[in-house]
């Protein structure tokens, strides 16, 4: 899981299915933390959206902008959400919850995670 944006871009969360199972994203949730508490829960999908094993999906509020910045991405793996939790560029936490509201993954990120060759032009 990763979370990023770039100048003129749009925030997105990238999910990777590293299991050997198909995962239906219906009912899964993204969240962040505020003062260490889980907050700002947002549904990924209200309808079936199945991730095959070994696939990446990009979740964003504006697929067109994201595809313009990443034109080699597979269009069928870009998913538009009505809203994402607020993810600050400098640092933050991305939380992924299963439909049963079990924490499935957590990413605590910092601005220093960005590779220096990926600087904004």
PDB file of N, CA and C in Angstrom:
ATOM      1  N   UNK A   1       0.855  -1.157   0.000  1.00  0.00           N
ATOM      2  CA  UNK A   1       0.000   0.000   0.000  1.00  0.00           C
ATOM      3  C   UNK A   1       0.904   1.224   0.000  1.00  0.00           C
ATOM      4  N   UNK A   2       0.534   2.222  -0.780  1.00  0.00           N
ATOM      5  CA  UNK A   2       1.257   3.486  -0.766  1.00  0.00           C
ATOM      6  C   UNK A   2       0.278   4.618  -0.981  1.00  0.00           C
ATOM      7  N   UNK A   3       0.728   5.806  -0.664  1.00  0.00           N
ATOM      8  CA  UNK A   3      -0.108   7.002  -0.781  1.00  0.00           C
ATOM      9  C   UNK A   3       0.785   8.120  -1.277  1.00  0.00           C
ATOM     10  N   UNK A   4       0.345   8.846  -2.298  1.00  0.00           N
ATOM     11  CA  UNK A   4       1.180   9.903  -2.834  1.00  0.00           C
ATOM     12  C   UNK A   4       0.383  10.861  -3.699  1.00  0.00           C
ATOM     13  N   UNK A   5       0.995  11.966  -4.028  1.00  0.00           N
ATOM     14  CA  UNK A   5       0.494  12.902  -5.031  1.00  0.00           C
ATOM     15  C   UNK A   5       1.694  13.675  -5.525  1.00  0.00           C
ATOM     16  N   UNK A   6       1.545  14.388  -6.641  1.00  0.00           N
ATOM     17  CA  UNK A   6       2.621  15.230  -7.132  1.00  0.00           C
ATOM     18  C   UNK A   6       2.035  16.541  -7.614  1.00  0.00           C
ATOM     19  N   UNK A   7       2.903  17.506  -7.879  1.00  0.00           N
ATOM     20  CA  UNK A   7       2.440  18.838  -8.277  1.00  0.00           C
ATOM     21  C   UNK A   7       1.481  18.725  -9.459  1.00  0.00           C
ATOM     22  N   UNK A   8       0.325  19.380  -9.346  1.00  0.00           N
ATOM     23  CA  UNK A   8      -0.686  19.320 -10.396  1.00  0.00           C
ATOM     24  C   UNK A   8      -1.410  17.997 -10.439  1.00  0.00           C
ATOM     25  N   UNK A   9      -1.117  17.144  -9.483  1.00  0.00           N
ATOM     26  CA  UNK A   9      -1.708  15.813  -9.462  1.00  0.00           C
ATOM     27  C   UNK A   9      -2.858  15.713  -8.492  1.00  0.00           C
ATOM     28  N   UNK A  10      -3.174  14.507  -8.163  1.00  0.00           N
ATOM     29  CA  UNK A  10      -4.282  14.221  -7.264  1.00  0.00           C
ATOM     30  C   UNK A  10      -3.816  13.124  -6.302  1.00  0.00           C
ATOM     31  N   UNK A  11      -4.292  13.182  -5.073  1.00  0.00           N
ATOM     32  CA  UNK A  11      -3.952  12.143  -4.109  1.00  0.00           C
ATOM     33  C   UNK A  11      -4.469  10.795  -4.586  1.00  0.00           C
ATOM     34  N   UNK A  12      -3.717   9.762  -4.251  1.00  0.00           N
ATOM     35  CA  UNK A  12      -4.190   8.402  -4.522  1.00  0.00           C
ATOM     36  C   UNK A  12      -3.544   7.431  -3.544  1.00  0.00           C
ATOM     37  N   UNK A  13      -4.199   6.312  -3.382  1.00  0.00           N
ATOM     38  CA  UNK A  13      -3.677   5.201  -2.584  1.00  0.00           C
ATOM     39  C   UNK A  13      -3.532   4.032  -3.538  1.00  0.00           C
ATOM     40  N   UNK A  14      -2.378   3.407  -3.503  1.00  0.00           N
ATOM     41  CA  UNK A  14      -2.128   2.248  -4.347  1.00  0.00           C
ATOM     42  C   UNK A  14      -2.179   0.997  -3.478  1.00  0.00           C
ATOM     43  N   UNK A  15      -2.977   0.033  -3.925  1.00  0.00           N
ATOM     44  CA  UNK A  15      -3.083  -1.251  -3.236  1.00  0.00           C
ATOM     45  C   UNK A  15      -2.445  -2.329  -4.091  1.00  0.00           C
ATOM     46  N   UNK A  16      -1.814  -3.293  -3.449  1.00  0.00           N
ATOM     47  CA  UNK A  16      -1.235  -4.438  -4.144  1.00  0.00           C
ATOM     48  C   UNK A  16      -1.748  -5.702  -3.472  1.00  0.00           C
ATOM     49  N   UNK A  17      -2.265  -6.622  -4.265  1.00  0.00           N
ATOM     50  CA  UNK A  17      -2.734  -7.908  -3.751  1.00  0.00           C
ATOM     51  C   UNK A  17      -1.587  -8.904  -3.847  1.00  0.00           C
ATOM     52  N   UNK A  18      -0.861  -9.067  -2.746  1.00  0.00           N
ATOM     53  CA  UNK A  18       0.272  -9.994  -2.746  1.00  0.00           C
ATOM     54  C   UNK A  18      -0.128 -11.416  -2.353  1.00  0.00           C
ATOM     55  N   UNK A  19      -1.412 -11.649  -2.195  1.00  0.00           N
ATOM     56  CA  UNK A  19      -1.886 -12.996  -1.847  1.00  0.00           C
ATOM     57  C   UNK A  19      -2.132 -13.806  -3.121  1.00  0.00           C
ATOM     58  N   UNK A  20      -2.511 -15.052  -2.958  1.00  0.00           N
ATOM     59  CA  UNK A  20      -2.885 -15.892  -4.089  1.00  0.00           C
ATOM     60  C   UNK A  20      -4.409 -15.988  -4.216  1.00  0.00           C
ATOM     61  N   UNK A  21      -5.111 -15.045  -3.577  1.00  0.00           N
ATOM     62  CA  UNK A  21      -6.574 -15.039  -3.569  1.00  0.00           C
ATOM     63  C   UNK A  21      -7.122 -13.824  -4.318  1.00  0.00           C
ATOM     64  N   UNK A  22      -8.336 -13.967  -4.834  1.00  0.00           N
ATOM     65  CA  UNK A  22      -9.059 -12.839  -5.400  1.00  0.00           C
ATOM     66  C   UNK A  22      -9.717 -12.102  -4.236  1.00  0.00           C
ATOM     67  N   UNK A  23      -9.622 -10.778  -4.229  1.00  0.00           N
ATOM     68  CA  UNK A  23     -10.158  -9.976  -3.127  1.00  0.00           C
ATOM     69  C   UNK A  23     -11.201  -9.014  -3.673  1.00  0.00           C
ATOM     70  N   UNK A  24     -12.404  -9.094  -3.144  1.00  0.00           N
ATOM     71  CA  UNK A  24     -13.476  -8.165  -3.515  1.00  0.00           C
ATOM     72  C   UNK A  24     -13.367  -6.940  -2.606  1.00  0.00           C
ATOM     73  N   UNK A  25     -13.144  -5.774  -3.192  1.00  0.00           N
ATOM     74  CA  UNK A  25     -12.975  -4.537  -2.424  1.00  0.00           C
ATOM     75  C   UNK A  25     -14.292  -3.953  -1.914  1.00  0.00           C
ATOM     76  N   UNK A  26     -15.416  -4.560  -2.271  1.00  0.00           N
ATOM     77  CA  UNK A  26     -16.698  -4.079  -1.775  1.00  0.00           C
ATOM     78  C   UNK A  26     -16.712  -4.139  -0.254  1.00  0.00           C
ATOM     79  N   UNK A  27     -17.020  -3.012   0.368  1.00  0.00           N
ATOM     80  CA  UNK A  27     -17.111  -2.951   1.819  1.00  0.00           C
ATOM     81  C   UNK A  27     -15.805  -2.627   2.527  1.00  0.00           C
ATOM     82  N   UNK A  28     -14.684  -2.657   1.806  1.00  0.00           N
ATOM     83  CA  UNK A  28     -13.394  -2.294   2.416  1.00  0.00           C
ATOM     84  C   UNK A  28     -13.357  -0.795   2.638  1.00  0.00           C
ATOM     85  N   UNK A  29     -12.530  -0.354   3.578  1.00  0.00           N
ATOM     86  CA  UNK A  29     -12.472   1.058   3.968  1.00  0.00           C
ATOM     87  C   UNK A  29     -11.033   1.560   4.019  1.00  0.00           C
ATOM     88  N   UNK A  30     -10.865   2.826   3.653  1.00  0.00           N
ATOM     89  CA  UNK A  30      -9.618   3.541   3.878  1.00  0.00           C
ATOM     90  C   UNK A  30      -9.850   4.505   5.029  1.00  0.00           C
ATOM     91  N   UNK A  31      -8.804   4.806   5.769  1.00  0.00           N
ATOM     92  CA  UNK A  31      -8.898   5.770   6.863  1.00  0.00           C
ATOM     93  C   UNK A  31      -7.523   6.396   7.066  1.00  0.00           C
ATOM     94  N   UNK A  32      -7.461   7.329   7.983  1.00  0.00           N
ATOM     95  CA  UNK A  32      -6.200   7.917   8.407  1.00  0.00           C
ATOM     96  C   UNK A  32      -6.209   7.961   9.931  1.00  0.00           C
ATOM     97  N   UNK A  33      -5.243   8.655  10.503  1.00  0.00           N
ATOM     98  CA  UNK A  33      -5.253   8.845  11.944  1.00  0.00           C
ATOM     99  C   UNK A  33      -5.184  10.336  12.258  1.00  0.00           C
ATOM    100  N   UNK A  34      -5.830  10.709  13.329  1.00  0.00           N
ATOM    101  CA  UNK A  34      -5.748  12.059  13.879  1.00  0.00           C
ATOM    102  C   UNK A  34      -5.427  11.887  15.356  1.00  0.00           C
ATOM    103  N   UNK A  35      -4.311  12.445  15.759  1.00  0.00           N
ATOM    104  CA  UNK A  35      -3.843  12.311  17.147  1.00  0.00           C
ATOM    105  C   UNK A  35      -3.813  10.848  17.589  1.00  0.00           C
ATOM    106  N   UNK A  36      -3.360   9.970  16.678  1.00  0.00           N
ATOM    107  CA  UNK A  36      -3.225   8.554  17.001  1.00  0.00           C
ATOM    108  C   UNK A  36      -4.501   7.740  16.937  1.00  0.00           C
ATOM    109  N   UNK A  37      -5.618   8.381  16.654  1.00  0.00           N
ATOM    110  CA  UNK A  37      -6.910   7.684  16.591  1.00  0.00           C
ATOM    111  C   UNK A  37      -7.344   7.465  15.145  1.00  0.00           C
ATOM    112  N   UNK A  38      -7.902   6.298  14.860  1.00  0.00           N
ATOM    113  CA  UNK A  38      -8.443   6.001  13.533  1.00  0.00           C
ATOM    114  C   UNK A  38      -9.563   6.985  13.216  1.00  0.00           C
ATOM    115  N   UNK A  39      -9.529   7.543  11.990  1.00  0.00           N
ATOM    116  CA  UNK A  39     -10.473   8.603  11.662  1.00  0.00           C
ATOM    117  C   UNK A  39     -10.745   8.636  10.154  1.00  0.00           C
ATOM    118  N   UNK A  40     -11.769   9.382   9.771  1.00  0.00           N
ATOM    119  CA  UNK A  40     -12.086   9.678   8.364  1.00  0.00           C
ATOM    120  C   UNK A  40     -12.253   8.432   7.501  1.00  0.00           C
ATOM    121  N   UNK A  41     -13.076   7.505   7.927  1.00  0.00           N
ATOM    122  CA  UNK A  41     -13.314   6.274   7.183  1.00  0.00           C
ATOM    123  C   UNK A  41     -14.045   6.576   5.874  1.00  0.00           C
ATOM    124  N   UNK A  42     -13.524   6.014   4.791  1.00  0.00           N
ATOM    125  CA  UNK A  42     -14.130   6.181   3.464  1.00  0.00           C
ATOM    126  C   UNK A  42     -14.234   4.819   2.802  1.00  0.00           C
ATOM    127  N   UNK A  43     -15.422   4.518   2.259  1.00  0.00           N
ATOM    128  CA  UNK A  43     -15.647   3.244   1.578  1.00  0.00           C
ATOM    129  C   UNK A  43     -14.895   3.215   0.251  1.00  0.00           C
ATOM    130  N   UNK A  44     -14.312   2.069  -0.060  1.00  0.00           N
ATOM    131  CA  UNK A  44     -13.639   1.903  -1.347  1.00  0.00           C
ATOM    132  C   UNK A  44     -14.661   1.629  -2.435  1.00  0.00           C
ATOM    133  N   UNK A  45     -15.626   0.762  -2.171  1.00  0.00           N
ATOM    134  CA  UNK A  45     -16.638   0.453  -3.179  1.00  0.00           C
ATOM    135  C   UNK A  45     -17.899  -0.097  -2.526  1.00  0.00           C
ATOM    136  N   UNK A  46     -19.032   0.322  -3.065  1.00  0.00           N
ATOM    137  CA  UNK A  46     -20.321  -0.206  -2.623  1.00  0.00           C
ATOM    138  C   UNK A  46     -20.780  -1.358  -3.509  1.00  0.00           C
ATOM    139  N   UNK A  47     -20.018  -1.639  -4.568  1.00  0.00           N
ATOM    140  CA  UNK A  47     -20.346  -2.728  -5.475  1.00  0.00           C
ATOM    141  C   UNK A  47     -19.117  -3.620  -5.650  1.00  0.00           C
ATOM    142  N   UNK A  48     -19.298  -4.820  -6.157  1.00  0.00           N
ATOM    143  CA  UNK A  48     -18.154  -5.720  -6.308  1.00  0.00           C
ATOM    144  C   UNK A  48     -17.050  -5.133  -7.196  1.00  0.00           C
ATOM    145  N   UNK A  49     -15.837  -5.151  -6.715  1.00  0.00           N
ATOM    146  CA  UNK A  49     -14.623  -4.747  -7.448  1.00  0.00           C
ATOM    147  C   UNK A  49     -13.559  -5.754  -7.050  1.00  0.00           C
ATOM    148  N   UNK A  50     -13.227  -6.669  -7.932  1.00  0.00           N
ATOM    149  CA  UNK A  50     -12.370  -7.793  -7.583  1.00  0.00           C
ATOM    150  C   UNK A  50     -10.930  -7.555  -8.039  1.00  0.00           C
ATOM    151  N   UNK A  51     -10.010  -7.664  -7.075  1.00  0.00           N
ATOM    152  CA  UNK A  51      -8.570  -7.591  -7.337  1.00  0.00           C
ATOM    153  C   UNK A  51      -8.029  -8.999  -7.513  1.00  0.00           C
ATOM    154  N   UNK A  52      -7.431  -9.254  -8.651  1.00  0.00           N
ATOM    155  CA  UNK A  52      -6.796 -10.546  -8.880  1.00  0.00           C
ATOM    156  C   UNK A  52      -5.471 -10.608  -8.119  1.00  0.00           C
ATOM    157  N   UNK A  53      -4.996 -11.803  -7.831  1.00  0.00           N
ATOM    158  CA  UNK A  53      -3.677 -11.928  -7.191  1.00  0.00           C
ATOM    159  C   UNK A  53      -2.596 -11.251  -8.030  1.00  0.00           C
ATOM    160  N   UNK A  54      -1.666 -10.580  -7.358  1.00  0.00           N
ATOM    161  CA  UNK A  54      -0.544  -9.954  -8.042  1.00  0.00           C
ATOM    162  C   UNK A  54      -0.858  -8.676  -8.794  1.00  0.00           C
ATOM    163  N   UNK A  55      -2.025  -8.070  -8.532  1.00  0.00           N
ATOM    164  CA  UNK A  55      -2.373  -6.835  -9.245  1.00  0.00           C
ATOM    165  C   UNK A  55      -2.275  -5.621  -8.327  1.00  0.00           C
ATOM    166  N   UNK A  56      -2.028  -4.482  -8.968  1.00  0.00           N
ATOM    167  CA  UNK A  56      -2.021  -3.183  -8.303  1.00  0.00           C
ATOM    168  C   UNK A  56      -3.281  -2.442  -8.696  1.00  0.00           C
ATOM    169  N   UNK A  57      -3.862  -1.695  -7.756  1.00  0.00           N
ATOM    170  CA  UNK A  57      -4.995  -0.825  -8.039  1.00  0.00           C
ATOM    171  C   UNK A  57      -4.695   0.547  -7.460  1.00  0.00           C
ATOM    172  N   UNK A  58      -5.087   1.593  -8.179  1.00  0.00           N
ATOM    173  CA  UNK A  58      -4.924   2.967  -7.715  1.00  0.00           C
ATOM    174  C   UNK A  58      -6.304   3.526  -7.399  1.00  0.00           C
ATOM    175  N   UNK A  59      -6.475   4.011  -6.181  1.00  0.00           N
ATOM    176  CA  UNK A  59      -7.744   4.568  -5.710  1.00  0.00           C
ATOM    177  C   UNK A  59      -7.584   6.072  -5.600  1.00  0.00           C
ATOM    178  N   UNK A  60      -8.469   6.825  -6.231  1.00  0.00           N
ATOM    179  CA  UNK A  60      -8.339   8.277  -6.290  1.00  0.00           C
ATOM    180  C   UNK A  60      -9.703   8.921  -6.471  1.00  0.00           C
ATOM    181  N   UNK A  61      -9.752  10.221  -6.352  1.00  0.00           N
ATOM    182  CA  UNK A  61     -10.997  10.954  -6.597  1.00  0.00           C
ATOM    183  C   UNK A  61     -11.075  11.467  -8.030  1.00  0.00           C
ATOM    184  N   UNK A  62      -9.975  11.398  -8.785  1.00  0.00           N
ATOM    185  CA  UNK A  62      -9.961  11.893 -10.164  1.00  0.00           C
ATOM    186  C   UNK A  62      -9.075  10.999 -11.028  1.00  0.00           C
ATOM    187  N   UNK A  63      -9.684   9.982 -11.608  1.00  0.00           N
ATOM    188  CA  UNK A  63      -8.948   9.016 -12.411  1.00  0.00           C
ATOM    189  C   UNK A  63      -8.291   9.678 -13.619  1.00  0.00           C
ATOM    190  N   UNK A  64      -8.964  10.628 -14.260  1.00  0.00           N
ATOM    191  CA  UNK A  64      -8.406  11.269 -15.459  1.00  0.00           C
ATOM    192  C   UNK A  64      -7.069  11.941 -15.164  1.00  0.00           C
ATOM    193  N   UNK A  65      -6.974  12.656 -14.061  1.00  0.00           N
ATOM    194  CA  UNK A  65      -5.721  13.318 -13.696  1.00  0.00           C
ATOM    195  C   UNK A  65      -4.651  12.280 -13.384  1.00  0.00           C
ATOM    196  N   UNK A  66      -5.009  11.252 -12.661  1.00  0.00           N
ATOM    197  CA  UNK A  66      -4.043  10.223 -12.299  1.00  0.00           C
ATOM    198  C   UNK A  66      -3.538   9.483 -13.543  1.00  0.00           C
ATOM    199  N   UNK A  67      -4.433   9.170 -14.455  1.00  0.00           N
ATOM    200  CA  UNK A  67      -4.021   8.490 -15.687  1.00  0.00           C
ATOM    201  C   UNK A  67      -3.130   9.387 -16.541  1.00  0.00           C
ATOM    202  N   UNK A  68      -3.357  10.690 -16.521  1.00  0.00           N
ATOM    203  CA  UNK A  68      -2.502  11.608 -17.272  1.00  0.00           C
ATOM    204  C   UNK A  68      -1.072  11.589 -16.726  1.00  0.00           C
ATOM    205  N   UNK A  69      -0.922  11.425 -15.413  1.00  0.00           N
ATOM    206  CA  UNK A  69       0.409  11.376 -14.810  1.00  0.00           C
ATOM    207  C   UNK A  69       1.040   9.992 -14.896  1.00  0.00           C
ATOM    208  N   UNK A  70       0.222   8.957 -15.024  1.00  0.00           N
ATOM    209  CA  UNK A  70       0.715   7.583 -15.091  1.00  0.00           C
ATOM    210  C   UNK A  70       0.060   6.866 -16.279  1.00  0.00           C
ATOM    211  N   UNK A  71       0.398   7.287 -17.499  1.00  0.00           N
ATOM    212  CA  UNK A  71      -0.297   6.764 -18.685  1.00  0.00           C
ATOM    213  C   UNK A  71      -0.067   5.280 -18.955  1.00  0.00           C
ATOM    214  N   UNK A  72       0.952   4.674 -18.367  1.00  0.00           N
ATOM    215  CA  UNK A  72       1.176   3.248 -18.604  1.00  0.00           C
ATOM    216  C   UNK A  72       0.377   2.363 -17.648  1.00  0.00           C
ATOM    217  N   UNK A  73      -0.352   2.985 -16.711  1.00  0.00           N
ATOM    218  CA  UNK A  73      -1.190   2.218 -15.790  1.00  0.00           C
ATOM    219  C   UNK A  73      -2.356   1.569 -16.511  1.00  0.00           C
ATOM    220  N   UNK A  74      -2.814   0.449 -15.985  1.00  0.00           N
ATOM    221  CA  UNK A  74      -3.954  -0.253 -16.572  1.00  0.00           C
ATOM    222  C   UNK A  74      -5.246   0.466 -16.174  1.00  0.00           C
ATOM    223  N   UNK A  75      -5.974   0.964 -17.156  1.00  0.00           N
ATOM    224  CA  UNK A  75      -7.182   1.748 -16.902  1.00  0.00           C
ATOM    225  C   UNK A  75      -8.180   1.003 -16.023  1.00  0.00           C
ATOM    226  N   UNK A  76      -8.270  -0.314 -16.178  1.00  0.00           N
ATOM    227  CA  UNK A  76      -9.237  -1.090 -15.396  1.00  0.00           C
ATOM    228  C   UNK A  76      -8.828  -1.229 -13.933  1.00  0.00           C
ATOM    229  N   UNK A  77      -7.620  -0.789 -13.595  1.00  0.00           N
ATOM    230  CA  UNK A  77      -7.157  -0.853 -12.208  1.00  0.00           C
ATOM    231  C   UNK A  77      -7.110   0.514 -11.536  1.00  0.00           C
ATOM    232  N   UNK A  78      -7.718   1.516 -12.170  1.00  0.00           N
ATOM    233  CA  UNK A  78      -7.906   2.826 -11.559  1.00  0.00           C
ATOM    234  C   UNK A  78      -9.348   2.875 -11.077  1.00  0.00           C
ATOM    235  N   UNK A  79      -9.549   3.240  -9.827  1.00  0.00           N
ATOM    236  CA  UNK A  79     -10.894   3.245  -9.256  1.00  0.00           C
ATOM    237  C   UNK A  79     -11.187   4.618  -8.662  1.00  0.00           C
ATOM    238  N   UNK A  80     -12.285   5.223  -9.107  1.00  0.00           N
ATOM    239  CA  UNK A  80     -12.706   6.528  -8.599  1.00  0.00           C
ATOM    240  C   UNK A  80     -13.505   6.360  -7.326  1.00  0.00           C
ATOM    241  N   UNK A  81     -13.094   7.090  -6.284  1.00  0.00           N
ATOM    242  CA  UNK A  81     -13.822   7.142  -5.027  1.00  0.00           C
ATOM    243  C   UNK A  81     -14.409   8.533  -4.873  1.00  0.00           C
ATOM    244  N   UNK A  82     -15.578   8.657  -4.236  1.00  0.00           N
ATOM    245  CA  UNK A  82     -16.152   9.992  -4.022  1.00  0.00           C
ATOM    246  C   UNK A  82     -15.248  10.871  -3.158  1.00  0.00           C
ATOM    247  N   UNK A  83     -14.514  10.237  -2.229  1.00  0.00           N
ATOM    248  CA  UNK A  83     -13.621  10.991  -1.343  1.00  0.00           C
ATOM    249  C   UNK A  83     -12.576  10.048  -0.774  1.00  0.00           C
ATOM    250  N   UNK A  84     -11.411  10.607  -0.491  1.00  0.00           N
ATOM    251  CA  UNK A  84     -10.363   9.909   0.239  1.00  0.00           C
ATOM    252  C   UNK A  84     -10.221  10.569   1.599  1.00  0.00           C
ATOM    253  N   UNK A  85      -9.739   9.859   2.585  1.00  0.00           N
ATOM    254  CA  UNK A  85      -9.386  10.538   3.830  1.00  0.00           C
ATOM    255  C   UNK A  85      -8.286  11.552   3.520  1.00  0.00           C
ATOM    256  N   UNK A  86      -8.153  12.605   4.301  1.00  0.00           N
ATOM    257  CA  UNK A  86      -7.066  13.554   4.058  1.00  0.00           C
ATOM    258  C   UNK A  86      -5.702  12.897   4.310  1.00  0.00           C
ATOM    259  N   UNK A  87      -4.854  12.940   3.291  1.00  0.00           N
ATOM    260  CA  UNK A  87      -3.488  12.430   3.405  1.00  0.00           C
ATOM    261  C   UNK A  87      -2.537  13.578   3.080  1.00  0.00           C
ATOM    262  N   UNK A  88      -1.806  14.033   4.055  1.00  0.00           N
ATOM    263  CA  UNK A  88      -0.890  15.152   3.877  1.00  0.00           C
ATOM    264  C   UNK A  88       0.359  14.690   3.140  1.00  0.00           C
ATOM    265  N   UNK A  89       0.939  15.571   2.321  1.00  0.00           N
ATOM    266  CA  UNK A  89       2.108  15.214   1.533  1.00  0.00           C
ATOM    267  C   UNK A  89       3.335  14.943   2.401  1.00  0.00           C
ATOM    268  N   UNK A  90       3.485  15.651   3.506  1.00  0.00           N
ATOM    269  CA  UNK A  90       4.708  15.555   4.303  1.00  0.00           C
ATOM    270  C   UNK A  90       4.783  14.272   5.137  1.00  0.00           C
ATOM    271  N   UNK A  91       3.676  13.862   5.732  1.00  0.00           N
ATOM    272  CA  UNK A  91       3.651  12.632   6.524  1.00  0.00           C
ATOM    273  C   UNK A  91       2.216  12.315   6.909  1.00  0.00           C
ATOM    274  N   UNK A  92       1.998  11.066   7.264  1.00  0.00           N
ATOM    275  CA  UNK A  92       0.669  10.656   7.689  1.00  0.00           C
ATOM    276  C   UNK A  92       0.564   9.148   7.787  1.00  0.00           C
ATOM    277  N   UNK A  93      -0.663   8.681   7.917  1.00  0.00           N
ATOM    278  CA  UNK A  93      -0.938   7.254   8.058  1.00  0.00           C
ATOM    279  C   UNK A  93      -2.103   6.877   7.151  1.00  0.00           C
ATOM    280  N   UNK A  94      -1.910   5.805   6.405  1.00  0.00           N
ATOM    281  CA  UNK A  94      -2.968   5.225   5.580  1.00  0.00           C
ATOM    282  C   UNK A  94      -3.372   3.918   6.251  1.00  0.00           C
ATOM    283  N   UNK A  95      -4.661   3.759   6.487  1.00  0.00           N
ATOM    284  CA  UNK A  95      -5.188   2.538   7.100  1.00  0.00           C
ATOM    285  C   UNK A  95      -6.138   1.857   6.124  1.00  0.00           C
ATOM    286  N   UNK A  96      -6.068   0.535   6.059  1.00  0.00           N
ATOM    287  CA  UNK A  96      -6.949  -0.263   5.215  1.00  0.00           C
ATOM    288  C   UNK A  96      -7.685  -1.256   6.099  1.00  0.00           C
ATOM    289  N   UNK A  97      -9.019  -1.176   6.069  1.00  0.00           N
ATOM    290  CA  UNK A  97      -9.865  -2.040   6.893  1.00  0.00           C
ATOM    291  C   UNK A  97     -10.688  -2.973   6.013  1.00  0.00           C
ATOM    292  N   UNK A  98     -10.842  -4.193   6.474  1.00  0.00           N
ATOM    293  CA  UNK A  98     -11.691  -5.175   5.802  1.00  0.00           C
ATOM    294  C   UNK A  98     -13.156  -4.812   6.041  1.00  0.00           C
ATOM    295  N   UNK A  99     -14.076  -5.469   5.313  1.00  0.00           N
ATOM    296  CA  UNK A  99     -15.504  -5.206   5.544  1.00  0.00           C
ATOM    297  C   UNK A  99     -15.950  -5.482   6.984  1.00  0.00           C
ATOM    298  N   UNK A 100     -15.210  -6.322   7.696  1.00  0.00           N
ATOM    299  CA  UNK A 100     -15.531  -6.619   9.101  1.00  0.00           C
ATOM    300  C   UNK A 100     -14.921  -5.590  10.053  1.00  0.00           C
ATOM    301  N   UNK A 101     -14.351  -4.533   9.480  1.00  0.00           N
ATOM    302  CA  UNK A 101     -13.705  -3.436  10.226  1.00  0.00           C
ATOM    303  C   UNK A 101     -12.471  -3.910  10.998  1.00  0.00           C
ATOM    304  N   UNK A 102     -11.790  -4.900  10.443  1.00  0.00           N
ATOM    305  CA  UNK A 102     -10.513  -5.357  10.974  1.00  0.00           C
ATOM    306  C   UNK A 102      -9.401  -4.634  10.235  1.00  0.00           C
ATOM    307  N   UNK A 103      -8.451  -4.096  10.979  1.00  0.00           N
ATOM    308  CA  UNK A 103      -7.325  -3.424  10.344  1.00  0.00           C
ATOM    309  C   UNK A 103      -6.518  -4.461   9.575  1.00  0.00           C
ATOM    310  N   UNK A 104      -6.407  -4.250   8.259  1.00  0.00           N
ATOM    311  CA  UNK A 104      -5.721  -5.209   7.396  1.00  0.00           C
ATOM    312  C   UNK A 104      -4.306  -4.746   7.054  1.00  0.00           C
ATOM    313  N   UNK A 105      -4.117  -3.434   6.916  1.00  0.00           N
ATOM    314  CA  UNK A 105      -2.793  -2.905   6.578  1.00  0.00           C
ATOM    315  C   UNK A 105      -2.687  -1.473   7.070  1.00  0.00           C
ATOM    316  N   UNK A 106      -1.432  -1.072   7.339  1.00  0.00           N
ATOM    317  CA  UNK A 106      -1.165   0.280   7.830  1.00  0.00           C
ATOM    318  C   UNK A 106       0.146   0.747   7.209  1.00  0.00           C
ATOM    319  N   UNK A 107       0.155   1.975   6.724  1.00  0.00           N
ATOM    320  CA  UNK A 107       1.364   2.587   6.208  1.00  0.00           C
ATOM    321  C   UNK A 107       1.549   3.936   6.881  1.00  0.00           C
ATOM    322  N   UNK A 108       2.632   4.069   7.632  1.00  0.00           N
ATOM    323  CA  UNK A 108       3.032   5.357   8.196  1.00  0.00           C
ATOM    324  C   UNK A 108       4.089   5.912   7.250  1.00  0.00           C
ATOM    325  N   UNK A 109       3.769   7.001   6.569  1.00  0.00           N
ATOM    326  CA  UNK A 109       4.668   7.512   5.539  1.00  0.00           C
ATOM    327  C   UNK A 109       5.236   8.864   5.925  1.00  0.00           C
ATOM    328  N   UNK A 110       6.362   9.188   5.290  1.00  0.00           N
ATOM    329  CA  UNK A 110       7.033  10.476   5.465  1.00  0.00           C
ATOM    330  C   UNK A 110       7.458  10.982   4.094  1.00  0.00           C
ATOM    331  N   UNK A 111       7.654  12.281   3.987  1.00  0.00           N
ATOM    332  CA  UNK A 111       8.078  12.874   2.731  1.00  0.00           C
ATOM    333  C   UNK A 111       9.395  12.270   2.245  1.00  0.00           C
ATOM    334  N   UNK A 112      10.260  11.857   3.164  1.00  0.00           N
ATOM    335  CA  UNK A 112      11.557  11.294   2.793  1.00  0.00           C
ATOM    336  C   UNK A 112      11.430   9.950   2.071  1.00  0.00           C
ATOM    337  N   UNK A 113      10.247   9.330   2.060  1.00  0.00           N
ATOM    338  CA  UNK A 113      10.048   8.073   1.353  1.00  0.00           C
ATOM    339  C   UNK A 113      10.109   8.260  -0.159  1.00  0.00           C
ATOM    340  N   UNK A 114       9.868   9.489  -0.637  1.00  0.00           N
ATOM    341  CA  UNK A 114       9.882   9.748  -2.078  1.00  0.00           C
ATOM    342  C   UNK A 114      11.301   9.625  -2.609  1.00  0.00           C
ATOM    343  N   UNK A 115      11.463   8.904  -3.674  1.00  0.00           N
ATOM    344  CA  UNK A 115      12.779   8.719  -4.281  1.00  0.00           C
ATOM    345  C   UNK A 115      13.244  10.051  -4.887  1.00  0.00           C
ATOM    346  N   UNK A 116      14.509  10.425  -4.682  1.00  0.00           N
ATOM    347  CA  UNK A 116      14.988  11.714  -5.176  1.00  0.00           C
ATOM    348  C   UNK A 116      14.893  11.875  -6.699  1.00  0.00           C
ATOM    349  N   UNK A 117      14.894  10.781  -7.453  1.00  0.00           N
ATOM    350  CA  UNK A 117      14.761  10.885  -8.900  1.00  0.00           C
ATOM    351  C   UNK A 117      13.328  11.187  -9.330  1.00  0.00           C
ATOM    352  N   UNK A 118      12.390  11.148  -8.385  1.00  0.00           N
ATOM    353  CA  UNK A 118      10.991  11.414  -8.702  1.00  0.00           C
ATOM    354  C   UNK A 118      10.595  12.825  -8.281  1.00  0.00           C
ATOM    355  N   UNK A 119      11.540  13.725  -8.169  1.00  0.00           N
ATOM    356  CA  UNK A 119      11.245  15.113  -7.806  1.00  0.00           C
ATOM    357  C   UNK A 119      10.311  15.716  -8.852  1.00  0.00           C
ATOM    358  N   UNK A 120       9.478  16.659  -8.424  1.00  0.00           N
ATOM    359  CA  UNK A 120       8.612  17.381  -9.354  1.00  0.00           C
ATOM    360  C   UNK A 120       9.474  18.173 -10.306  1.00  0.00           C
ATOM    361  N   UNK A 121       9.044  18.246 -11.567  1.00  0.00           N
ATOM    362  CA  UNK A 121       9.778  19.009 -12.571  1.00  0.00           C
ATOM    363  C   UNK A 121       9.368  20.466 -12.559  1.00  0.00           C
TER     364      UNK A 121
END
